[in-house]
Amino acid sequence: MRVALGTGTSAAHAVRELAAQFPRNPPDCVASSRATEELARSLGLPIRDLRADDRFDLMIDGADEVSPTLDLTKGHGGALLREKLLARLSGTLVIIVDPTKLVDRLGTRARIPVEVVPFARAVLGHRFSEDGFRVSHRTVAGGGPFVTDNGNEILDLAPTRPIDEPAAVAAALRAPTGVVETGLFVGMADRVIVGRADGTVDERLRAPARPR
């Protein structure tokens, strides 16, 4: 099986479980970030580079928000571009969350990450502010900019109210020159698994399934 691995706390749990379940015959894996790659290799799970003709049977990832239609806000871990690319190359995108990530509409509890070219960051931040978003430049401890594995920076956008039309908002945010990708994953998740504190699991499926 060919498996794409996401980034973040939930994805890290999946990586640990894969390594434990398949110690002798691990799946063929590609990671969405250096952090996931380092974790996987530390557990003995081999990771390879992305190939030109790659297609994956499954991608396992987390999310910051999940709407009733299984649209997502992602990117708190900073790997939104690579996660979206791998998701589009995967036959099935499985999202693992806890109940706090379930929202009626995206933009309710999480900011929308937008990966931008550093040269354009100030201009784009000003534009998004004029469009009505509260904009923050993601930084690291010490005050420097957070830099993605692609060498870009991230603007985190808080809408003034929850999003009614995520596809339209995603397209509008993606349009300006200098934007690399957004953390709105619309129509991409096939299955969401909600793990609860009492050990029960709620599974939600997209209907209809996205085209392959």
C-alpha atoms as a PDB file:
ATOM      1  CA  MET A   1       0.000   0.000   0.000  1.00  0.00           C
ATOM      2  CA  ARG A   2       1.169   3.520  -0.824  1.00  0.00           C
ATOM      3  CA  VAL A   3       0.423   5.952   2.008  1.00  0.00           C
ATOM      4  CA  ALA A   4       0.807   9.742   2.250  1.00  0.00           C
ATOM      5  CA  LEU A   5       1.399  11.059   5.751  1.00  0.00           C
ATOM      6  CA  GLY A   6       0.126  14.387   7.020  1.00  0.00           C
ATOM      7  CA  THR A   7       1.602  16.734   9.611  1.00  0.00           C
ATOM      8  CA  GLY A   8       0.542  17.630  13.151  1.00  0.00           C
ATOM      9  CA  THR A   9      -0.484  15.963  16.384  1.00  0.00           C
ATOM     10  CA  SER A  10      -3.113  13.633  14.920  1.00  0.00           C
ATOM     11  CA  ALA A  11      -0.929  12.666  11.984  1.00  0.00           C
ATOM     12  CA  ALA A  12       1.896  11.879  14.418  1.00  0.00           C
ATOM     13  CA  HIS A  13      -0.376   9.395  16.224  1.00  0.00           C
ATOM     14  CA  ALA A  14      -1.075   7.720  12.875  1.00  0.00           C
ATOM     15  CA  VAL A  15       2.640   7.506  12.080  1.00  0.00           C
ATOM     16  CA  ARG A  16       3.346   5.850  15.423  1.00  0.00           C
ATOM     17  CA  GLU A  17       0.535   3.352  14.876  1.00  0.00           C
ATOM     18  CA  LEU A  18       1.717   2.488  11.351  1.00  0.00           C
ATOM     19  CA  ALA A  19       5.220   1.834  12.651  1.00  0.00           C
ATOM     20  CA  ALA A  20       3.827  -0.371  15.424  1.00  0.00           C
ATOM     21  CA  GLN A  21       1.429  -2.312  13.181  1.00  0.00           C
ATOM     22  CA  PHE A  22       3.873  -2.963  10.324  1.00  0.00           C
ATOM     23  CA  PRO A  23       7.348  -3.415  11.815  1.00  0.00           C
ATOM     24  CA  ARG A  24       8.493  -5.895   9.139  1.00  0.00           C
ATOM     25  CA  ASN A  25       6.491  -4.951   6.039  1.00  0.00           C
ATOM     26  CA  PRO A  26       5.786  -1.204   6.255  1.00  0.00           C
ATOM     27  CA  PRO A  27       3.728   0.626   3.628  1.00  0.00           C
ATOM     28  CA  ASP A  28       5.368   2.726   0.921  1.00  0.00           C
ATOM     29  CA  CYS A  29       5.273   6.191   2.530  1.00  0.00           C
ATOM     30  CA  VAL A  30       5.837   9.820   1.576  1.00  0.00           C
ATOM     31  CA  ALA A  31       5.688  12.531   4.257  1.00  0.00           C
ATOM     32  CA  SER A  32       4.218  16.029   3.959  1.00  0.00           C
ATOM     33  CA  SER A  33       6.889  17.675   6.131  1.00  0.00           C
ATOM     34  CA  ARG A  34      10.383  17.272   7.499  1.00  0.00           C
ATOM     35  CA  ALA A  35       8.871  16.919  10.982  1.00  0.00           C
ATOM     36  CA  THR A  36       6.757  13.920   9.936  1.00  0.00           C
ATOM     37  CA  GLU A  37       9.668  12.435   8.020  1.00  0.00           C
ATOM     38  CA  GLU A  38      11.962  12.694  11.044  1.00  0.00           C
ATOM     39  CA  LEU A  39       9.356  11.128  13.337  1.00  0.00           C
ATOM     40  CA  ALA A  40       8.687   8.253  10.941  1.00  0.00           C
ATOM     41  CA  ARG A  41      12.360   7.451  10.470  1.00  0.00           C
ATOM     42  CA  SER A  42      12.978   7.583  14.215  1.00  0.00           C
ATOM     43  CA  LEU A  43      10.359   4.823  14.529  1.00  0.00           C
ATOM     44  CA  GLY A  44      11.874   2.723  11.767  1.00  0.00           C
ATOM     45  CA  LEU A  45       9.230   3.642   9.181  1.00  0.00           C
ATOM     46  CA  PRO A  46      11.003   4.301   5.860  1.00  0.00           C
ATOM     47  CA  ILE A  47      10.133   7.502   3.995  1.00  0.00           C
ATOM     48  CA  ARG A  48      11.015   8.267   0.384  1.00  0.00           C
ATOM     49  CA  ASP A  49      10.902  11.357  -1.830  1.00  0.00           C
ATOM     50  CA  LEU A  50       7.878  12.192  -3.966  1.00  0.00           C
ATOM     51  CA  ARG A  51       8.113  10.818  -7.514  1.00  0.00           C
ATOM     52  CA  ALA A  52       6.775  12.340 -10.708  1.00  0.00           C
ATOM     53  CA  ASP A  53       4.161   9.626 -11.260  1.00  0.00           C
ATOM     54  CA  ASP A  54       3.166   9.072  -7.633  1.00  0.00           C
ATOM     55  CA  ARG A  55      -0.371   8.144  -6.667  1.00  0.00           C
ATOM     56  CA  PHE A  56      -1.344   7.044  -3.150  1.00  0.00           C
ATOM     57  CA  ASP A  57      -3.976   4.606  -1.983  1.00  0.00           C
ATOM     58  CA  LEU A  58      -4.516   6.544   1.227  1.00  0.00           C
ATOM     59  CA  MET A  59      -3.569   9.754   2.983  1.00  0.00           C
ATOM     60  CA  ILE A  60      -3.922  10.093   6.751  1.00  0.00           C
ATOM     61  CA  ASP A  61      -3.959  13.578   8.235  1.00  0.00           C
ATOM     62  CA  GLY A  62      -5.536  15.817  10.861  1.00  0.00           C
ATOM     63  CA  ALA A  63      -7.462  19.088  10.613  1.00  0.00           C
ATOM     64  CA  ASP A  64      -8.039  22.275  12.574  1.00  0.00           C
ATOM     65  CA  GLU A  65     -11.736  22.429  11.646  1.00  0.00           C
ATOM     66  CA  VAL A  66     -14.219  20.045  10.005  1.00  0.00           C
ATOM     67  CA  SER A  67     -17.591  21.236   8.711  1.00  0.00           C
ATOM     68  CA  PRO A  68     -20.716  19.046   8.363  1.00  0.00           C
ATOM     69  CA  THR A  69     -19.914  18.661   4.632  1.00  0.00           C
ATOM     70  CA  LEU A  70     -16.348  17.551   5.532  1.00  0.00           C
ATOM     71  CA  ASP A  71     -14.708  20.730   4.282  1.00  0.00           C
ATOM     72  CA  LEU A  72     -11.589  21.494   6.287  1.00  0.00           C
ATOM     73  CA  THR A  73      -9.374  24.202   7.674  1.00  0.00           C
ATOM     74  CA  LYS A  74      -5.798  22.924   7.869  1.00  0.00           C
ATOM     75  CA  GLY A  75      -2.282  24.252   8.199  1.00  0.00           C
ATOM     76  CA  HIS A  76      -1.670  24.868  11.889  1.00  0.00           C
ATOM     77  CA  GLY A  77       1.421  22.678  11.475  1.00  0.00           C
ATOM     78  CA  GLY A  78       2.603  24.791   8.556  1.00  0.00           C
ATOM     79  CA  ALA A  79       2.545  22.036   5.902  1.00  0.00           C
ATOM     80  CA  LEU A  80      -0.624  23.057   4.038  1.00  0.00           C
ATOM     81  CA  LEU A  81       0.919  23.168   0.551  1.00  0.00           C
ATOM     82  CA  ARG A  82       2.490  19.713   0.721  1.00  0.00           C
ATOM     83  CA  GLU A  83      -0.559  18.289   2.488  1.00  0.00           C
ATOM     84  CA  LYS A  84      -2.870  19.577  -0.244  1.00  0.00           C
ATOM     85  CA  LEU A  85      -0.630  18.239  -3.012  1.00  0.00           C
ATOM     86  CA  LEU A  86      -0.471  14.780  -1.435  1.00  0.00           C
ATOM     87  CA  ALA A  87      -4.213  14.811  -0.758  1.00  0.00           C
ATOM     88  CA  ARG A  88      -4.905  15.463  -4.441  1.00  0.00           C
ATOM     89  CA  LEU A  89      -2.649  12.533  -5.334  1.00  0.00           C
ATOM     90  CA  SER A  90      -4.450  10.169  -2.939  1.00  0.00           C
ATOM     91  CA  GLY A  91      -7.383   7.900  -3.671  1.00  0.00           C
ATOM     92  CA  THR A  92      -8.803   8.373  -0.171  1.00  0.00           C
ATOM     93  CA  LEU A  93      -8.174  11.215   2.269  1.00  0.00           C
ATOM     94  CA  VAL A  94      -8.834  10.155   5.870  1.00  0.00           C
ATOM     95  CA  ILE A  95      -8.931  12.894   8.504  1.00  0.00           C
ATOM     96  CA  ILE A  96      -8.492  12.106  12.200  1.00  0.00           C
ATOM     97  CA  VAL A  97      -9.796  14.639  14.752  1.00  0.00           C
ATOM     98  CA  ASP A  98     -11.250  15.006  18.227  1.00  0.00           C
ATOM     99  CA  PRO A  99     -14.750  16.483  18.758  1.00  0.00           C
ATOM    100  CA  THR A 100     -13.412  19.999  19.406  1.00  0.00           C
ATOM    101  CA  LYS A 101     -12.518  20.272  15.707  1.00  0.00           C
ATOM    102  CA  LEU A 102     -16.145  19.850  14.551  1.00  0.00           C
ATOM    103  CA  VAL A 103     -17.773  23.164  13.592  1.00  0.00           C
ATOM    104  CA  ASP A 104     -20.970  24.283  11.881  1.00  0.00           C
ATOM    105  CA  ARG A 105     -18.983  26.530   9.521  1.00  0.00           C
ATOM    106  CA  LEU A 106     -15.281  26.985   8.808  1.00  0.00           C
ATOM    107  CA  GLY A 107     -13.683  30.021  10.397  1.00  0.00           C
ATOM    108  CA  THR A 108     -15.504  29.432  13.682  1.00  0.00           C
ATOM    109  CA  ARG A 109     -12.581  28.358  15.873  1.00  0.00           C
ATOM    110  CA  ALA A 110      -9.456  28.434  13.696  1.00  0.00           C
ATOM    111  CA  ARG A 111      -7.701  31.027  11.588  1.00  0.00           C
ATOM    112  CA  ILE A 112      -7.204  30.339   7.882  1.00  0.00           C
ATOM    113  CA  PRO A 113      -3.505  29.864   7.073  1.00  0.00           C
ATOM    114  CA  VAL A 114      -2.254  31.318   3.800  1.00  0.00           C
ATOM    115  CA  GLU A 115       1.252  30.422   2.631  1.00  0.00           C
ATOM    116  CA  VAL A 116       2.856  33.393   0.880  1.00  0.00           C
ATOM    117  CA  VAL A 117       6.113  34.323  -0.817  1.00  0.00           C
ATOM    118  CA  PRO A 118       8.140  36.345   1.729  1.00  0.00           C
ATOM    119  CA  PHE A 119       8.702  39.249  -0.696  1.00  0.00           C
ATOM    120  CA  ALA A 120       4.936  39.728  -1.049  1.00  0.00           C
ATOM    121  CA  ARG A 121       3.963  39.129   2.572  1.00  0.00           C
ATOM    122  CA  ALA A 122       3.497  42.767   3.647  1.00  0.00           C
ATOM    123  CA  VAL A 123       1.484  43.650   0.529  1.00  0.00           C
ATOM    124  CA  LEU A 124      -0.727  40.590   0.883  1.00  0.00           C
ATOM    125  CA  GLY A 125      -1.266  41.204   4.582  1.00  0.00           C
ATOM    126  CA  HIS A 126      -2.462  44.720   3.793  1.00  0.00           C
ATOM    127  CA  ARG A 127      -4.766  43.446   1.050  1.00  0.00           C
ATOM    128  CA  PHE A 128      -6.346  40.778   3.242  1.00  0.00           C
ATOM    129  CA  SER A 129      -6.862  43.355   6.003  1.00  0.00           C
ATOM    130  CA  GLU A 130      -8.695  45.596   3.539  1.00  0.00           C
ATOM    131  CA  ASP A 131     -10.805  42.583   2.575  1.00  0.00           C
ATOM    132  CA  GLY A 132     -11.992  42.385   6.189  1.00  0.00           C
ATOM    133  CA  PHE A 133      -9.744  39.719   7.704  1.00  0.00           C
ATOM    134  CA  ARG A 134      -7.811  40.124  10.927  1.00  0.00           C
ATOM    135  CA  VAL A 135      -4.299  39.252   9.784  1.00  0.00           C
ATOM    136  CA  SER A 136      -1.396  37.955  11.838  1.00  0.00           C
ATOM    137  CA  HIS A 137       2.055  37.053  10.577  1.00  0.00           C
ATOM    138  CA  ARG A 138       3.001  33.654  11.981  1.00  0.00           C
ATOM    139  CA  THR A 139       6.220  33.802  14.002  1.00  0.00           C
ATOM    140  CA  VAL A 140       8.362  31.471  16.082  1.00  0.00           C
ATOM    141  CA  ALA A 141       9.684  31.831  19.617  1.00  0.00           C
ATOM    142  CA  GLY A 142      12.034  34.792  19.572  1.00  0.00           C
ATOM    143  CA  GLY A 143       9.941  36.770  17.117  1.00  0.00           C
ATOM    144  CA  GLY A 144      11.299  35.628  13.762  1.00  0.00           C
ATOM    145  CA  PRO A 145       8.991  34.542  10.956  1.00  0.00           C
ATOM    146  CA  PHE A 146       7.783  30.964  10.768  1.00  0.00           C
ATOM    147  CA  VAL A 147       9.299  29.541   7.578  1.00  0.00           C
ATOM    148  CA  THR A 148       7.673  26.582   5.844  1.00  0.00           C
ATOM    149  CA  ASP A 149       9.615  23.649   4.413  1.00  0.00           C
ATOM    150  CA  ASN A 150       9.190  25.404   1.060  1.00  0.00           C
ATOM    151  CA  GLY A 151      10.932  28.571   2.273  1.00  0.00           C
ATOM    152  CA  ASN A 152       7.735  30.622   2.455  1.00  0.00           C
ATOM    153  CA  GLU A 153       5.914  32.412   5.280  1.00  0.00           C
ATOM    154  CA  ILE A 154       2.363  32.143   6.629  1.00  0.00           C
ATOM    155  CA  LEU A 155      -0.345  34.716   7.219  1.00  0.00           C
ATOM    156  CA  ASP A 156      -3.127  33.540   9.537  1.00  0.00           C
ATOM    157  CA  LEU A 157      -6.472  35.117   8.677  1.00  0.00           C
ATOM    158  CA  ALA A 158      -9.418  35.436  11.057  1.00  0.00           C
ATOM    159  CA  PRO A 159     -12.706  36.161   9.244  1.00  0.00           C
ATOM    160  CA  THR A 160     -15.110  38.575  10.874  1.00  0.00           C
ATOM    161  CA  ARG A 161     -17.773  35.846  10.793  1.00  0.00           C
ATOM    162  CA  PRO A 162     -17.842  32.126   9.942  1.00  0.00           C
ATOM    163  CA  ILE A 163     -17.566  31.247   6.253  1.00  0.00           C
ATOM    164  CA  ASP A 164     -20.742  30.430   4.332  1.00  0.00           C
ATOM    165  CA  GLU A 165     -19.095  29.641   0.978  1.00  0.00           C
ATOM    166  CA  PRO A 166     -15.639  28.118   1.594  1.00  0.00           C
ATOM    167  CA  ALA A 167     -14.983  27.351  -2.087  1.00  0.00           C
ATOM    168  CA  ALA A 168     -15.506  30.994  -3.052  1.00  0.00           C
ATOM    169  CA  VAL A 169     -13.348  32.230  -0.171  1.00  0.00           C
ATOM    170  CA  ALA A 170     -10.590  29.754  -1.051  1.00  0.00           C
ATOM    171  CA  ALA A 171     -10.578  30.962  -4.660  1.00  0.00           C
ATOM    172  CA  ALA A 172     -10.480  34.617  -3.616  1.00  0.00           C
ATOM    173  CA  LEU A 173      -7.605  34.082  -1.192  1.00  0.00           C
ATOM    174  CA  ARG A 174      -5.650  32.057  -3.740  1.00  0.00           C
ATOM    175  CA  ALA A 175      -5.994  34.669  -6.513  1.00  0.00           C
ATOM    176  CA  PRO A 176      -3.456  37.403  -5.600  1.00  0.00           C
ATOM    177  CA  THR A 177       0.079  37.139  -6.954  1.00  0.00           C
ATOM    178  CA  GLY A 178       2.388  35.950  -4.191  1.00  0.00           C
ATOM    179  CA  VAL A 179      -0.063  33.543  -2.573  1.00  0.00           C
ATOM    180  CA  VAL A 180       1.246  29.988  -2.722  1.00  0.00           C
ATOM    181  CA  GLU A 181      -1.657  28.071  -1.128  1.00  0.00           C
ATOM    182  CA  THR A 182      -4.466  28.346   1.411  1.00  0.00           C
ATOM    183  CA  GLY A 183      -5.488  26.121   4.295  1.00  0.00           C
ATOM    184  CA  LEU A 184      -9.069  25.719   3.058  1.00  0.00           C
ATOM    185  CA  PHE A 185      -9.491  22.123   1.852  1.00  0.00           C
ATOM    186  CA  VAL A 186     -12.860  22.101   0.105  1.00  0.00           C
ATOM    187  CA  GLY A 187     -14.393  18.877  -1.197  1.00  0.00           C
ATOM    188  CA  MET A 188     -11.260  16.840  -0.500  1.00  0.00           C
ATOM    189  CA  ALA A 189     -11.854  14.700   2.604  1.00  0.00           C
ATOM    190  CA  ASP A 190     -13.482  11.327   1.990  1.00  0.00           C
ATOM    191  CA  ARG A 191     -13.712  10.113   5.576  1.00  0.00           C
ATOM    192  CA  VAL A 192     -13.444  11.821   8.947  1.00  0.00           C
ATOM    193  CA  ILE A 193     -12.793   9.734  12.038  1.00  0.00           C
ATOM    194  CA  VAL A 194     -13.720  11.455  15.310  1.00  0.00           C
ATOM    195  CA  GLY A 195     -12.053   9.917  18.345  1.00  0.00           C
ATOM    196  CA  ARG A 196     -13.680  10.586  21.703  1.00  0.00           C
ATOM    197  CA  ALA A 197     -12.265  10.561  25.231  1.00  0.00           C
ATOM    198  CA  ASP A 198     -14.339   7.520  26.194  1.00  0.00           C
ATOM    199  CA  GLY A 199     -12.747   5.449  23.425  1.00  0.00           C
ATOM    200  CA  THR A 200     -15.692   5.550  21.035  1.00  0.00           C
ATOM    201  CA  VAL A 201     -15.236   6.526  17.398  1.00  0.00           C
ATOM    202  CA  ASP A 202     -17.621   8.379  15.093  1.00  0.00           C
ATOM    203  CA  GLU A 203     -16.991   7.913  11.372  1.00  0.00           C
ATOM    204  CA  ARG A 204     -18.324  10.425   8.840  1.00  0.00           C
ATOM    205  CA  LEU A 205     -18.289   9.829   5.069  1.00  0.00           C
ATOM    206  CA  ARG A 206     -18.530  12.282   2.215  1.00  0.00           C
ATOM    207  CA  ALA A 207     -21.660  11.958   0.131  1.00  0.00           C
ATOM    208  CA  PRO A 208     -21.288  11.754  -2.753  1.00  0.00           C
ATOM    209  CA  ALA A 209     -17.701  10.561  -2.915  1.00  0.00           C
ATOM    210  CA  ARG A 210     -15.312  12.891  -4.734  1.00  0.00           C
ATOM    211  CA  PRO A 211     -14.361  11.845  -8.292  1.00  0.00           C
ATOM    212  CA  ARG A 212     -11.155   9.877  -8.702  1.00  0.00           C
END
